[in-house]
Amino acid sequence: MNTVARTVCVSFTAGAAFKFKQLEDVLAEHLKDNDGAILPHLLMADYCRLVERVPDDEWVISFLTYLEDNFGGQSESLTELISVSFIEHLPPDGSSADPVVKLLGERMREEHQRIFGPNSP
């Protein structure tokens, strides 16, 4: 990843914790575990695990909308970050029982289907 792409991804993942207070503790723990460095793909996967634990919390829909708005946009590095470190961490079968997969926006849902196959919702 080049320097500009890395900077974009670091800014995006850190910025998400400022936009969504529920992510602040995840960011703080990530910084502690990584000697103050932000590793965007690891941090995004941490965000995904939190969302999977609390899919019914009110802020989750707003966060997923935020990801959707930045997915497939002008930044290829953000699209890759969201695809590889969020969408690919969701259940592969796309079970309609999985609350997070059901909440994905259209572009992210299409990416989930592309990654895991046509049996995804």
PDB file of N, CA and C in Angstrom:
ATOM      1  N   MET A   1       0.861  -1.171   0.000  1.00  0.00           N
ATOM      2  CA  MET A   1       0.000   0.000   0.000  1.00  0.00           C
ATOM      3  C   MET A   1       0.908   1.235   0.000  1.00  0.00           C
ATOM      4  N   ASN A   2       0.647   2.150  -0.929  1.00  0.00           N
ATOM      5  CA  ASN A   2       1.482   3.347  -0.976  1.00  0.00           C
ATOM      6  C   ASN A   2       1.157   4.285   0.180  1.00  0.00           C
ATOM      7  N   THR A   3       1.979   5.301   0.350  1.00  0.00           N
ATOM      8  CA  THR A   3       1.854   6.197   1.500  1.00  0.00           C
ATOM      9  C   THR A   3       0.522   6.937   1.522  1.00  0.00           C
ATOM     10  N   VAL A   4       0.077   7.428   0.373  1.00  0.00           N
ATOM     11  CA  VAL A   4      -1.196   8.155   0.327  1.00  0.00           C
ATOM     12  C   VAL A   4      -2.353   7.220   0.680  1.00  0.00           C
ATOM     13  N   ALA A   5      -2.364   6.034   0.096  1.00  0.00           N
ATOM     14  CA  ALA A   5      -3.433   5.074   0.378  1.00  0.00           C
ATOM     15  C   ALA A   5      -3.434   4.699   1.855  1.00  0.00           C
ATOM     16  N   ARG A   6      -2.254   4.487   2.429  1.00  0.00           N
ATOM     17  CA  ARG A   6      -2.165   4.138   3.842  1.00  0.00           C
ATOM     18  C   ARG A   6      -2.695   5.277   4.710  1.00  0.00           C
ATOM     19  N   THR A   7      -2.320   6.500   4.360  1.00  0.00           N
ATOM     20  CA  THR A   7      -2.781   7.667   5.118  1.00  0.00           C
ATOM     21  C   THR A   7      -4.299   7.789   5.054  1.00  0.00           C
ATOM     22  N   VAL A   8      -4.867   7.561   3.881  1.00  0.00           N
ATOM     23  CA  VAL A   8      -6.323   7.612   3.724  1.00  0.00           C
ATOM     24  C   VAL A   8      -6.981   6.572   4.623  1.00  0.00           C
ATOM     25  N   CYS A   9      -6.446   5.360   4.631  1.00  0.00           N
ATOM     26  CA  CYS A   9      -7.035   4.278   5.432  1.00  0.00           C
ATOM     27  C   CYS A   9      -6.869   4.524   6.929  1.00  0.00           C
ATOM     28  N   VAL A  10      -5.713   5.024   7.337  1.00  0.00           N
ATOM     29  CA  VAL A  10      -5.496   5.351   8.751  1.00  0.00           C
ATOM     30  C   VAL A  10      -6.465   6.443   9.179  1.00  0.00           C
ATOM     31  N   SER A  11      -6.577   7.494   8.364  1.00  0.00           N
ATOM     32  CA  SER A  11      -7.487   8.594   8.687  1.00  0.00           C
ATOM     33  C   SER A  11      -8.936   8.131   8.767  1.00  0.00           C
ATOM     34  N   PHE A  12      -9.324   7.281   7.831  1.00  0.00           N
ATOM     35  CA  PHE A  12     -10.700   6.789   7.802  1.00  0.00           C
ATOM     36  C   PHE A  12     -11.025   5.960   9.047  1.00  0.00           C
ATOM     37  N   THR A  13     -10.155   5.023   9.393  1.00  0.00           N
ATOM     38  CA  THR A  13     -10.455   4.152  10.537  1.00  0.00           C
ATOM     39  C   THR A  13     -10.405   4.929  11.848  1.00  0.00           C
ATOM     40  N   ALA A  14      -9.431   5.814  11.993  1.00  0.00           N
ATOM     41  CA  ALA A  14      -9.375   6.628  13.214  1.00  0.00           C
ATOM     42  C   ALA A  14     -10.568   7.575  13.263  1.00  0.00           C
ATOM     43  N   GLY A  15     -10.884   8.178  12.123  1.00  0.00           N
ATOM     44  CA  GLY A  15     -12.015   9.105  12.061  1.00  0.00           C
ATOM     45  C   GLY A  15     -13.337   8.454  12.399  1.00  0.00           C
ATOM     46  N   ALA A  16     -13.471   7.187  12.061  1.00  0.00           N
ATOM     47  CA  ALA A  16     -14.710   6.471  12.382  1.00  0.00           C
ATOM     48  C   ALA A  16     -14.957   6.456  13.888  1.00  0.00           C
ATOM     49  N   ALA A  17     -13.883   6.340  14.670  1.00  0.00           N
ATOM     50  CA  ALA A  17     -14.032   6.312  16.127  1.00  0.00           C
ATOM     51  C   ALA A  17     -14.420   7.675  16.687  1.00  0.00           C
ATOM     52  N   PHE A  18     -14.099   8.734  15.958  1.00  0.00           N
ATOM     53  CA  PHE A  18     -14.518  10.066  16.394  1.00  0.00           C
ATOM     54  C   PHE A  18     -15.962  10.333  15.980  1.00  0.00           C
ATOM     55  N   LYS A  19     -16.380   9.745  14.881  1.00  0.00           N
ATOM     56  CA  LYS A  19     -17.751   9.904  14.395  1.00  0.00           C
ATOM     57  C   LYS A  19     -18.714   9.014  15.182  1.00  0.00           C
ATOM     58  N   PHE A  20     -18.245   7.827  15.564  1.00  0.00           N
ATOM     59  CA  PHE A  20     -19.073   6.860  16.289  1.00  0.00           C
ATOM     60  C   PHE A  20     -18.391   6.563  17.626  1.00  0.00           C
ATOM     61  N   LYS A  21     -18.873   7.191  18.671  1.00  0.00           N
ATOM     62  CA  LYS A  21     -18.244   7.080  19.998  1.00  0.00           C
ATOM     63  C   LYS A  21     -18.134   5.630  20.470  1.00  0.00           C
ATOM     64  N   GLN A  22     -19.016   4.766  19.992  1.00  0.00           N
ATOM     65  CA  GLN A  22     -19.008   3.361  20.401  1.00  0.00           C
ATOM     66  C   GLN A  22     -17.728   2.657  19.948  1.00  0.00           C
ATOM     67  N   LEU A  23     -17.008   3.232  18.995  1.00  0.00           N
ATOM     68  CA  LEU A  23     -15.764   2.637  18.499  1.00  0.00           C
ATOM     69  C   LEU A  23     -14.526   3.137  19.251  1.00  0.00           C
ATOM     70  N   GLU A  24     -14.693   4.128  20.109  1.00  0.00           N
ATOM     71  CA  GLU A  24     -13.543   4.726  20.794  1.00  0.00           C
ATOM     72  C   GLU A  24     -12.743   3.715  21.607  1.00  0.00           C
ATOM     73  N   ASP A  25     -13.420   2.849  22.350  1.00  0.00           N
ATOM     74  CA  ASP A  25     -12.711   1.862  23.161  1.00  0.00           C
ATOM     75  C   ASP A  25     -11.938   0.873  22.290  1.00  0.00           C
ATOM     76  N   VAL A  26     -12.510   0.521  21.148  1.00  0.00           N
ATOM     77  CA  VAL A  26     -11.834  -0.386  20.217  1.00  0.00           C
ATOM     78  C   VAL A  26     -10.563   0.286  19.698  1.00  0.00           C
ATOM     79  N   LEU A  27     -10.667   1.561  19.325  1.00  0.00           N
ATOM     80  CA  LEU A  27      -9.498   2.305  18.850  1.00  0.00           C
ATOM     81  C   LEU A  27      -8.448   2.411  19.948  1.00  0.00           C
ATOM     82  N   ALA A  28      -8.856   2.731  21.165  1.00  0.00           N
ATOM     83  CA  ALA A  28      -7.909   2.868  22.271  1.00  0.00           C
ATOM     84  C   ALA A  28      -7.167   1.556  22.523  1.00  0.00           C
ATOM     85  N   GLU A  29      -7.882   0.452  22.524  1.00  0.00           N
ATOM     86  CA  GLU A  29      -7.244  -0.847  22.737  1.00  0.00           C
ATOM     87  C   GLU A  29      -6.296  -1.175  21.580  1.00  0.00           C
ATOM     88  N   HIS A  30      -6.714  -0.859  20.372  1.00  0.00           N
ATOM     89  CA  HIS A  30      -5.876  -1.093  19.185  1.00  0.00           C
ATOM     90  C   HIS A  30      -4.562  -0.305  19.299  1.00  0.00           C
ATOM     91  N   LEU A  31      -4.664   0.953  19.679  1.00  0.00           N
ATOM     92  CA  LEU A  31      -3.464   1.791  19.835  1.00  0.00           C
ATOM     93  C   LEU A  31      -2.549   1.230  20.914  1.00  0.00           C
ATOM     94  N   LYS A  32      -3.132   0.798  22.021  1.00  0.00           N
ATOM     95  CA  LYS A  32      -2.348   0.221  23.114  1.00  0.00           C
ATOM     96  C   LYS A  32      -1.633  -1.047  22.651  1.00  0.00           C
ATOM     97  N   ASP A  33      -2.348  -1.902  21.940  1.00  0.00           N
ATOM     98  CA  ASP A  33      -1.787  -3.180  21.484  1.00  0.00           C
ATOM     99  C   ASP A  33      -0.729  -3.026  20.396  1.00  0.00           C
ATOM    100  N   ASN A  34      -0.754  -1.882  19.692  1.00  0.00           N
ATOM    101  CA  ASN A  34       0.147  -1.681  18.556  1.00  0.00           C
ATOM    102  C   ASN A  34       1.100  -0.508  18.761  1.00  0.00           C
ATOM    103  N   ASP A  35       1.470  -0.269  20.018  1.00  0.00           N
ATOM    104  CA  ASP A  35       2.443   0.778  20.368  1.00  0.00           C
ATOM    105  C   ASP A  35       2.103   2.125  19.748  1.00  0.00           C
ATOM    106  N   GLY A  36       0.826   2.477  19.739  1.00  0.00           N
ATOM    107  CA  GLY A  36       0.383   3.773  19.253  1.00  0.00           C
ATOM    108  C   GLY A  36       0.167   3.844  17.753  1.00  0.00           C
ATOM    109  N   ALA A  37       0.402   2.767  17.050  1.00  0.00           N
ATOM    110  CA  ALA A  37       0.224   2.766  15.599  1.00  0.00           C
ATOM    111  C   ALA A  37      -1.171   2.284  15.234  1.00  0.00           C
ATOM    112  N   ILE A  38      -1.678   2.816  14.132  1.00  0.00           N
ATOM    113  CA  ILE A  38      -2.947   2.342  13.597  1.00  0.00           C
ATOM    114  C   ILE A  38      -2.653   1.453  12.400  1.00  0.00           C
ATOM    115  N   LEU A  39      -3.102   0.224  12.506  1.00  0.00           N
ATOM    116  CA  LEU A  39      -3.010  -0.740  11.412  1.00  0.00           C
ATOM    117  C   LEU A  39      -4.430  -0.867  10.868  1.00  0.00           C
ATOM    118  N   PRO A  40      -4.746  -0.145   9.789  1.00  0.00           N
ATOM    119  CA  PRO A  40      -6.142   0.009   9.377  1.00  0.00           C
ATOM    120  C   PRO A  40      -6.899  -1.289   9.116  1.00  0.00           C
ATOM    121  N   HIS A  41      -6.244  -2.268   8.529  1.00  0.00           N
ATOM    122  CA  HIS A  41      -6.971  -3.515   8.248  1.00  0.00           C
ATOM    123  C   HIS A  41      -7.298  -4.256   9.544  1.00  0.00           C
ATOM    124  N   LEU A  42      -6.399  -4.257  10.482  1.00  0.00           N
ATOM    125  CA  LEU A  42      -6.684  -4.894  11.776  1.00  0.00           C
ATOM    126  C   LEU A  42      -7.768  -4.135  12.536  1.00  0.00           C
ATOM    127  N   LEU A  43      -7.694  -2.804  12.497  1.00  0.00           N
ATOM    128  CA  LEU A  43      -8.684  -1.997  13.203  1.00  0.00           C
ATOM    129  C   LEU A  43     -10.072  -2.165  12.592  1.00  0.00           C
ATOM    130  N   MET A  44     -10.147  -2.206  11.269  1.00  0.00           N
ATOM    131  CA  MET A  44     -11.453  -2.405  10.617  1.00  0.00           C
ATOM    132  C   MET A  44     -12.031  -3.773  10.990  1.00  0.00           C
ATOM    133  N   ALA A  45     -11.179  -4.794  11.068  1.00  0.00           N
ATOM    134  CA  ALA A  45     -11.658  -6.120  11.486  1.00  0.00           C
ATOM    135  C   ALA A  45     -12.152  -6.072  12.933  1.00  0.00           C
ATOM    136  N   ASP A  46     -11.487  -5.294  13.780  1.00  0.00           N
ATOM    137  CA  ASP A  46     -11.946  -5.118  15.161  1.00  0.00           C
ATOM    138  C   ASP A  46     -13.325  -4.448  15.178  1.00  0.00           C
ATOM    139  N   TYR A  47     -13.513  -3.450  14.329  1.00  0.00           N
ATOM    140  CA  TYR A  47     -14.819  -2.795  14.234  1.00  0.00           C
ATOM    141  C   TYR A  47     -15.885  -3.797  13.796  1.00  0.00           C
ATOM    142  N   CYS A  48     -15.539  -4.650  12.859  1.00  0.00           N
ATOM    143  CA  CYS A  48     -16.483  -5.654  12.378  1.00  0.00           C
ATOM    144  C   CYS A  48     -16.901  -6.582  13.523  1.00  0.00           C
ATOM    145  N   ARG A  49     -15.941  -7.029  14.311  1.00  0.00           N
ATOM    146  CA  ARG A  49     -16.269  -7.919  15.437  1.00  0.00           C
ATOM    147  C   ARG A  49     -17.202  -7.234  16.432  1.00  0.00           C
ATOM    148  N   LEU A  50     -16.984  -5.948  16.683  1.00  0.00           N
ATOM    149  CA  LEU A  50     -17.873  -5.224  17.588  1.00  0.00           C
ATOM    150  C   LEU A  50     -19.283  -5.147  17.002  1.00  0.00           C
ATOM    151  N   VAL A  51     -19.388  -4.809  15.735  1.00  0.00           N
ATOM    152  CA  VAL A  51     -20.702  -4.723  15.083  1.00  0.00           C
ATOM    153  C   VAL A  51     -21.415  -6.074  15.153  1.00  0.00           C
ATOM    154  N   GLU A  52     -20.673  -7.159  14.951  1.00  0.00           N
ATOM    155  CA  GLU A  52     -21.286  -8.484  15.023  1.00  0.00           C
ATOM    156  C   GLU A  52     -21.783  -8.810  16.427  1.00  0.00           C
ATOM    157  N   ARG A  53     -21.144  -8.251  17.453  1.00  0.00           N
ATOM    158  CA  ARG A  53     -21.579  -8.506  18.838  1.00  0.00           C
ATOM    159  C   ARG A  53     -22.823  -7.708  19.206  1.00  0.00           C
ATOM    160  N   VAL A  54     -23.017  -6.533  18.572  1.00  0.00           N
ATOM    161  CA  VAL A  54     -24.122  -5.646  18.967  1.00  0.00           C
ATOM    162  C   VAL A  54     -24.935  -5.176  17.753  1.00  0.00           C
ATOM    163  N   PRO A  55     -25.371  -6.097  16.885  1.00  0.00           N
ATOM    164  CA  PRO A  55     -26.013  -5.677  15.634  1.00  0.00           C
ATOM    165  C   PRO A  55     -27.318  -4.899  15.812  1.00  0.00           C
ATOM    166  N   ASP A  56     -27.931  -5.016  16.970  1.00  0.00           N
ATOM    167  CA  ASP A  56     -29.205  -4.333  17.194  1.00  0.00           C
ATOM    168  C   ASP A  56     -29.047  -2.944  17.800  1.00  0.00           C
ATOM    169  N   ASP A  57     -27.812  -2.553  18.138  1.00  0.00           N
ATOM    170  CA  ASP A  57     -27.597  -1.214  18.681  1.00  0.00           C
ATOM    171  C   ASP A  57     -27.929  -0.169  17.613  1.00  0.00           C
ATOM    172  N   GLU A  58     -28.501   0.942  18.052  1.00  0.00           N
ATOM    173  CA  GLU A  58     -28.953   1.980  17.124  1.00  0.00           C
ATOM    174  C   GLU A  58     -27.845   2.505  16.215  1.00  0.00           C
ATOM    175  N   TRP A  59     -26.655   2.668  16.709  1.00  0.00           N
ATOM    176  CA  TRP A  59     -25.568   3.277  15.946  1.00  0.00           C
ATOM    177  C   TRP A  59     -25.078   2.392  14.800  1.00  0.00           C
ATOM    178  N   VAL A  60     -25.339   1.095  14.864  1.00  0.00           N
ATOM    179  CA  VAL A  60     -24.813   0.157  13.864  1.00  0.00           C
ATOM    180  C   VAL A  60     -25.315   0.497  12.462  1.00  0.00           C
ATOM    181  N   ILE A  61     -26.573   0.822  12.325  1.00  0.00           N
ATOM    182  CA  ILE A  61     -27.107   1.158  11.000  1.00  0.00           C
ATOM    183  C   ILE A  61     -26.403   2.399  10.451  1.00  0.00           C
ATOM    184  N   SER A  62     -26.189   3.381  11.292  1.00  0.00           N
ATOM    185  CA  SER A  62     -25.482   4.588  10.848  1.00  0.00           C
ATOM    186  C   SER A  62     -24.045   4.270  10.447  1.00  0.00           C
ATOM    187  N   PHE A  63     -23.394   3.402  11.209  1.00  0.00           N
ATOM    188  CA  PHE A  63     -22.019   3.022  10.889  1.00  0.00           C
ATOM    189  C   PHE A  63     -21.968   2.267   9.557  1.00  0.00           C
ATOM    190  N   LEU A  64     -22.882   1.334   9.359  1.00  0.00           N
ATOM    191  CA  LEU A  64     -22.910   0.589   8.099  1.00  0.00           C
ATOM    192  C   LEU A  64     -23.232   1.505   6.920  1.00  0.00           C
ATOM    193  N   THR A  65     -24.051   2.498   7.134  1.00  0.00           N
ATOM    194  CA  THR A  65     -24.337   3.489   6.091  1.00  0.00           C
ATOM    195  C   THR A  65     -23.079   4.292   5.773  1.00  0.00           C
ATOM    196  N   TYR A  66     -22.336   4.641   6.807  1.00  0.00           N
ATOM    197  CA  TYR A  66     -21.060   5.343   6.644  1.00  0.00           C
ATOM    198  C   TYR A  66     -20.088   4.499   5.811  1.00  0.00           C
ATOM    199  N   LEU A  67     -20.014   3.208   6.098  1.00  0.00           N
ATOM    200  CA  LEU A  67     -19.157   2.325   5.305  1.00  0.00           C
ATOM    201  C   LEU A  67     -19.662   2.253   3.865  1.00  0.00           C
ATOM    202  N   GLU A  68     -20.955   2.081   3.700  1.00  0.00           N
ATOM    203  CA  GLU A  68     -21.556   1.998   2.364  1.00  0.00           C
ATOM    204  C   GLU A  68     -21.254   3.259   1.555  1.00  0.00           C
ATOM    205  N   ASP A  69     -21.374   4.408   2.193  1.00  0.00           N
ATOM    206  CA  ASP A  69     -21.124   5.681   1.506  1.00  0.00           C
ATOM    207  C   ASP A  69     -19.683   5.794   1.025  1.00  0.00           C
ATOM    208  N   ASN A  70     -18.767   5.110   1.690  1.00  0.00           N
ATOM    209  CA  ASN A  70     -17.351   5.168   1.339  1.00  0.00           C
ATOM    210  C   ASN A  70     -16.877   3.958   0.546  1.00  0.00           C
ATOM    211  N   PHE A  71     -17.774   3.012   0.310  1.00  0.00           N
ATOM    212  CA  PHE A  71     -17.425   1.798  -0.417  1.00  0.00           C
ATOM    213  C   PHE A  71     -17.696   2.001  -1.901  1.00  0.00           C
ATOM    214  N   GLY A  72     -16.712   1.704  -2.713  1.00  0.00           N
ATOM    215  CA  GLY A  72     -16.901   1.846  -4.159  1.00  0.00           C
ATOM    216  C   GLY A  72     -16.920   3.294  -4.603  1.00  0.00           C
ATOM    217  N   GLY A  73     -16.382   4.165  -3.763  1.00  0.00           N
ATOM    218  CA  GLY A  73     -16.334   5.583  -4.109  1.00  0.00           C
ATOM    219  C   GLY A  73     -15.030   5.925  -4.808  1.00  0.00           C
ATOM    220  N   GLN A  74     -14.517   7.080  -4.494  1.00  0.00           N
ATOM    221  CA  GLN A  74     -13.330   7.589  -5.171  1.00  0.00           C
ATOM    222  C   GLN A  74     -12.036   6.933  -4.703  1.00  0.00           C
ATOM    223  N   SER A  75     -12.037   6.335  -3.540  1.00  0.00           N
ATOM    224  CA  SER A  75     -10.803   5.781  -2.993  1.00  0.00           C
ATOM    225  C   SER A  75     -10.781   4.257  -3.114  1.00  0.00           C
ATOM    226  N   GLU A  76      -9.930   3.777  -4.002  1.00  0.00           N
ATOM    227  CA  GLU A  76      -9.781   2.324  -4.140  1.00  0.00           C
ATOM    228  C   GLU A  76      -9.261   1.706  -2.848  1.00  0.00           C
ATOM    229  N   SER A  77      -8.412   2.436  -2.145  1.00  0.00           N
ATOM    230  CA  SER A  77      -7.850   1.888  -0.906  1.00  0.00           C
ATOM    231  C   SER A  77      -8.932   1.706   0.155  1.00  0.00           C
ATOM    232  N   LEU A  78      -9.905   2.631   0.232  1.00  0.00           N
ATOM    233  CA  LEU A  78     -11.010   2.464   1.185  1.00  0.00           C
ATOM    234  C   LEU A  78     -11.920   1.321   0.781  1.00  0.00           C
ATOM    235  N   THR A  79     -12.172   1.207  -0.518  1.00  0.00           N
ATOM    236  CA  THR A  79     -12.999   0.095  -1.001  1.00  0.00           C
ATOM    237  C   THR A  79     -12.350  -1.231  -0.629  1.00  0.00           C
ATOM    238  N   GLU A  80     -11.054  -1.331  -0.851  1.00  0.00           N
ATOM    239  CA  GLU A  80     -10.338  -2.562  -0.503  1.00  0.00           C
ATOM    240  C   GLU A  80     -10.353  -2.808   0.998  1.00  0.00           C
ATOM    241  N   LEU A  81     -10.125  -1.766   1.780  1.00  0.00           N
ATOM    242  CA  LEU A  81     -10.141  -1.882   3.241  1.00  0.00           C
ATOM    243  C   LEU A  81     -11.483  -2.425   3.729  1.00  0.00           C
ATOM    244  N   ILE A  82     -12.565  -1.849   3.259  1.00  0.00           N
ATOM    245  CA  ILE A  82     -13.900  -2.267   3.702  1.00  0.00           C
ATOM    246  C   ILE A  82     -14.206  -3.684   3.221  1.00  0.00           C
ATOM    247  N   SER A  83     -13.813  -4.001   1.999  1.00  0.00           N
ATOM    248  CA  SER A  83     -14.072  -5.334   1.457  1.00  0.00           C
ATOM    249  C   SER A  83     -13.289  -6.405   2.209  1.00  0.00           C
ATOM    250  N   VAL A  84     -11.983  -6.218   2.286  1.00  0.00           N
ATOM    251  CA  VAL A  84     -11.094  -7.240   2.844  1.00  0.00           C
ATOM    252  C   VAL A  84     -11.224  -7.372   4.359  1.00  0.00           C
ATOM    253  N   SER A  85     -11.397  -6.251   5.037  1.00  0.00           N
ATOM    254  CA  SER A  85     -11.330  -6.302   6.501  1.00  0.00           C
ATOM    255  C   SER A  85     -12.657  -6.114   7.207  1.00  0.00           C
ATOM    256  N   PHE A  86     -13.731  -5.948   6.453  1.00  0.00           N
ATOM    257  CA  PHE A  86     -15.055  -5.917   7.066  1.00  0.00           C
ATOM    258  C   PHE A  86     -15.947  -6.972   6.416  1.00  0.00           C
ATOM    259  N   ILE A  87     -16.221  -6.820   5.137  1.00  0.00           N
ATOM    260  CA  ILE A  87     -17.158  -7.724   4.460  1.00  0.00           C
ATOM    261  C   ILE A  87     -16.668  -9.166   4.503  1.00  0.00           C
ATOM    262  N   GLU A  88     -15.376  -9.381   4.251  1.00  0.00           N
ATOM    263  CA  GLU A  88     -14.856 -10.754   4.249  1.00  0.00           C
ATOM    264  C   GLU A  88     -14.847 -11.394   5.632  1.00  0.00           C
ATOM    265  N   HIS A  89     -15.053 -10.599   6.673  1.00  0.00           N
ATOM    266  CA  HIS A  89     -15.100 -11.141   8.035  1.00  0.00           C
ATOM    267  C   HIS A  89     -16.513 -11.522   8.456  1.00  0.00           C
ATOM    268  N   LEU A  90     -17.486 -11.244   7.612  1.00  0.00           N
ATOM    269  CA  LEU A  90     -18.872 -11.610   7.905  1.00  0.00           C
ATOM    270  C   LEU A  90     -19.104 -13.065   7.521  1.00  0.00           C
ATOM    271  N   PRO A  91     -20.174 -13.671   8.029  1.00  0.00           N
ATOM    272  CA  PRO A  91     -20.447 -15.072   7.710  1.00  0.00           C
ATOM    273  C   PRO A  91     -20.534 -15.293   6.196  1.00  0.00           C
ATOM    274  N   PRO A  92     -19.863 -16.325   5.707  1.00  0.00           N
ATOM    275  CA  PRO A  92     -19.817 -16.548   4.262  1.00  0.00           C
ATOM    276  C   PRO A  92     -21.128 -17.004   3.643  1.00  0.00           C
ATOM    277  N   ASP A  93     -21.959 -17.663   4.403  1.00  0.00           N
ATOM    278  CA  ASP A  93     -23.185 -18.176   3.795  1.00  0.00           C
ATOM    279  C   ASP A  93     -24.227 -17.091   3.594  1.00  0.00           C
ATOM    280  N   GLY A  94     -24.002 -15.935   4.188  1.00  0.00           N
ATOM    281  CA  GLY A  94     -24.956 -14.848   4.028  1.00  0.00           C
ATOM    282  C   GLY A  94     -26.323 -15.183   4.562  1.00  0.00           C
ATOM    283  N   SER A  95     -26.345 -16.051   5.533  1.00  0.00           N
ATOM    284  CA  SER A  95     -27.594 -16.502   6.108  1.00  0.00           C
ATOM    285  C   SER A  95     -28.520 -15.336   6.411  1.00  0.00           C
ATOM    286  N   SER A  96     -29.770 -15.497   6.044  1.00  0.00           N
ATOM    287  CA  SER A  96     -30.735 -14.436   6.322  1.00  0.00           C
ATOM    288  C   SER A  96     -30.913 -14.243   7.818  1.00  0.00           C
ATOM    289  N   ALA A  97     -30.424 -15.199   8.597  1.00  0.00           N
ATOM    290  CA  ALA A  97     -30.479 -15.064  10.049  1.00  0.00           C
ATOM    291  C   ALA A  97     -29.375 -14.150  10.558  1.00  0.00           C
ATOM    292  N   ASP A  98     -28.356 -13.882   9.729  1.00  0.00           N
ATOM    293  CA  ASP A  98     -27.260 -13.017  10.168  1.00  0.00           C
ATOM    294  C   ASP A  98     -27.705 -11.556  10.089  1.00  0.00           C
ATOM    295  N   PRO A  99     -27.815 -10.907  11.238  1.00  0.00           N
ATOM    296  CA  PRO A  99     -28.363  -9.555  11.246  1.00  0.00           C
ATOM    297  C   PRO A  99     -27.467  -8.525  10.561  1.00  0.00           C
ATOM    298  N   VAL A 100     -26.150  -8.696  10.614  1.00  0.00           N
ATOM    299  CA  VAL A 100     -25.268  -7.697  10.005  1.00  0.00           C
ATOM    300  C   VAL A 100     -25.348  -7.762   8.484  1.00  0.00           C
ATOM    301  N   VAL A 101     -25.322  -8.958   7.926  1.00  0.00           N
ATOM    302  CA  VAL A 101     -25.408  -9.101   6.471  1.00  0.00           C
ATOM    303  C   VAL A 101     -26.715  -8.483   5.968  1.00  0.00           C
ATOM    304  N   LYS A 102     -27.801  -8.680   6.705  1.00  0.00           N
ATOM    305  CA  LYS A 102     -29.092  -8.117   6.302  1.00  0.00           C
ATOM    306  C   LYS A 102     -29.069  -6.594   6.296  1.00  0.00           C
ATOM    307  N   LEU A 103     -28.223  -5.993   7.125  1.00  0.00           N
ATOM    308  CA  LEU A 103     -28.184  -4.539   7.247  1.00  0.00           C
ATOM    309  C   LEU A 103     -27.245  -3.862   6.246  1.00  0.00           C
ATOM    310  N   LEU A 104     -26.468  -4.635   5.510  1.00  0.00           N
ATOM    311  CA  LEU A 104     -25.519  -4.041   4.565  1.00  0.00           C
ATOM    312  C   LEU A 104     -26.249  -3.248   3.491  1.00  0.00           C
ATOM    313  N   GLY A 105     -25.604  -2.186   3.043  1.00  0.00           N
ATOM    314  CA  GLY A 105     -26.129  -1.416   1.921  1.00  0.00           C
ATOM    315  C   GLY A 105     -25.976  -2.203   0.632  1.00  0.00           C
ATOM    316  N   GLU A 106     -26.552  -1.683  -0.431  1.00  0.00           N
ATOM    317  CA  GLU A 106     -26.610  -2.401  -1.706  1.00  0.00           C
ATOM    318  C   GLU A 106     -25.224  -2.762  -2.254  1.00  0.00           C
ATOM    319  N   ARG A 107     -24.309  -1.815  -2.291  1.00  0.00           N
ATOM    320  CA  ARG A 107     -22.978  -2.106  -2.855  1.00  0.00           C
ATOM    321  C   ARG A 107     -22.211  -3.101  -1.997  1.00  0.00           C
ATOM    322  N   MET A 108     -22.306  -2.959  -0.684  1.00  0.00           N
ATOM    323  CA  MET A 108     -21.602  -3.897   0.195  1.00  0.00           C
ATOM    324  C   MET A 108     -22.234  -5.285   0.123  1.00  0.00           C
ATOM    325  N   ARG A 109     -23.548  -5.354  -0.018  1.00  0.00           N
ATOM    326  CA  ARG A 109     -24.225  -6.644  -0.157  1.00  0.00           C
ATOM    327  C   ARG A 109     -23.802  -7.318  -1.464  1.00  0.00           C
ATOM    328  N   GLU A 110     -23.697  -6.528  -2.529  1.00  0.00           N
ATOM    329  CA  GLU A 110     -23.225  -7.073  -3.807  1.00  0.00           C
ATOM    330  C   GLU A 110     -21.799  -7.604  -3.682  1.00  0.00           C
ATOM    331  N   GLU A 111     -20.957  -6.898  -2.934  1.00  0.00           N
ATOM    332  CA  GLU A 111     -19.586  -7.358  -2.719  1.00  0.00           C
ATOM    333  C   GLU A 111     -19.585  -8.652  -1.918  1.00  0.00           C
ATOM    334  N   HIS A 112     -20.444  -8.749  -0.926  1.00  0.00           N
ATOM    335  CA  HIS A 112     -20.563  -9.976  -0.131  1.00  0.00           C
ATOM    336  C   HIS A 112     -20.932 -11.139  -1.048  1.00  0.00           C
ATOM    337  N   GLN A 113     -21.864 -10.913  -1.942  1.00  0.00           N
ATOM    338  CA  GLN A 113     -22.276 -11.953  -2.885  1.00  0.00           C
ATOM    339  C   GLN A 113     -21.140 -12.304  -3.845  1.00  0.00           C
ATOM    340  N   ARG A 114     -20.393 -11.306  -4.293  1.00  0.00           N
ATOM    341  CA  ARG A 114     -19.278 -11.553  -5.196  1.00  0.00           C
ATOM    342  C   ARG A 114     -18.208 -12.402  -4.513  1.00  0.00           C
ATOM    343  N   ILE A 115     -17.949 -12.103  -3.242  1.00  0.00           N
ATOM    344  CA  ILE A 115     -16.922 -12.820  -2.488  1.00  0.00           C
ATOM    345  C   ILE A 115     -17.362 -14.237  -2.171  1.00  0.00           C
ATOM    346  N   PHE A 116     -18.587 -14.389  -1.681  1.00  0.00           N
ATOM    347  CA  PHE A 116     -19.026 -15.676  -1.141  1.00  0.00           C
ATOM    348  C   PHE A 116     -19.929 -16.484  -2.055  1.00  0.00           C
ATOM    349  N   GLY A 117     -20.352 -15.895  -3.160  1.00  0.00           N
ATOM    350  CA  GLY A 117     -21.160 -16.663  -4.099  1.00  0.00           C
ATOM    351  C   GLY A 117     -22.611 -16.259  -4.110  1.00  0.00           C
ATOM    352  N   PRO A 118     -23.354 -16.803  -5.063  1.00  0.00           N
ATOM    353  CA  PRO A 118     -24.742 -16.393  -5.282  1.00  0.00           C
ATOM    354  C   PRO A 118     -25.712 -16.807  -4.185  1.00  0.00           C
ATOM    355  N   ASN A 119     -25.311 -17.665  -3.252  1.00  0.00           N
ATOM    356  CA  ASN A 119     -26.216 -18.065  -2.172  1.00  0.00           C
ATOM    357  C   ASN A 119     -26.296 -17.027  -1.079  1.00  0.00           C
ATOM    358  N   SER A 120     -25.499 -15.948  -1.216  1.00  0.00           N
ATOM    359  CA  SER A 120     -25.565 -14.854  -0.251  1.00  0.00           C
ATOM    360  C   SER A 120     -26.854 -14.071  -0.513  1.00  0.00           C
ATOM    361  N   PRO A 121     -27.375 -13.391   0.501  1.00  0.00           N
ATOM    362  CA  PRO A 121     -28.638 -12.661   0.323  1.00  0.00           C
ATOM    363  C   PRO A 121     -28.502 -11.527  -0.671  1.00  0.00           C
TER     364      PRO A 121
END
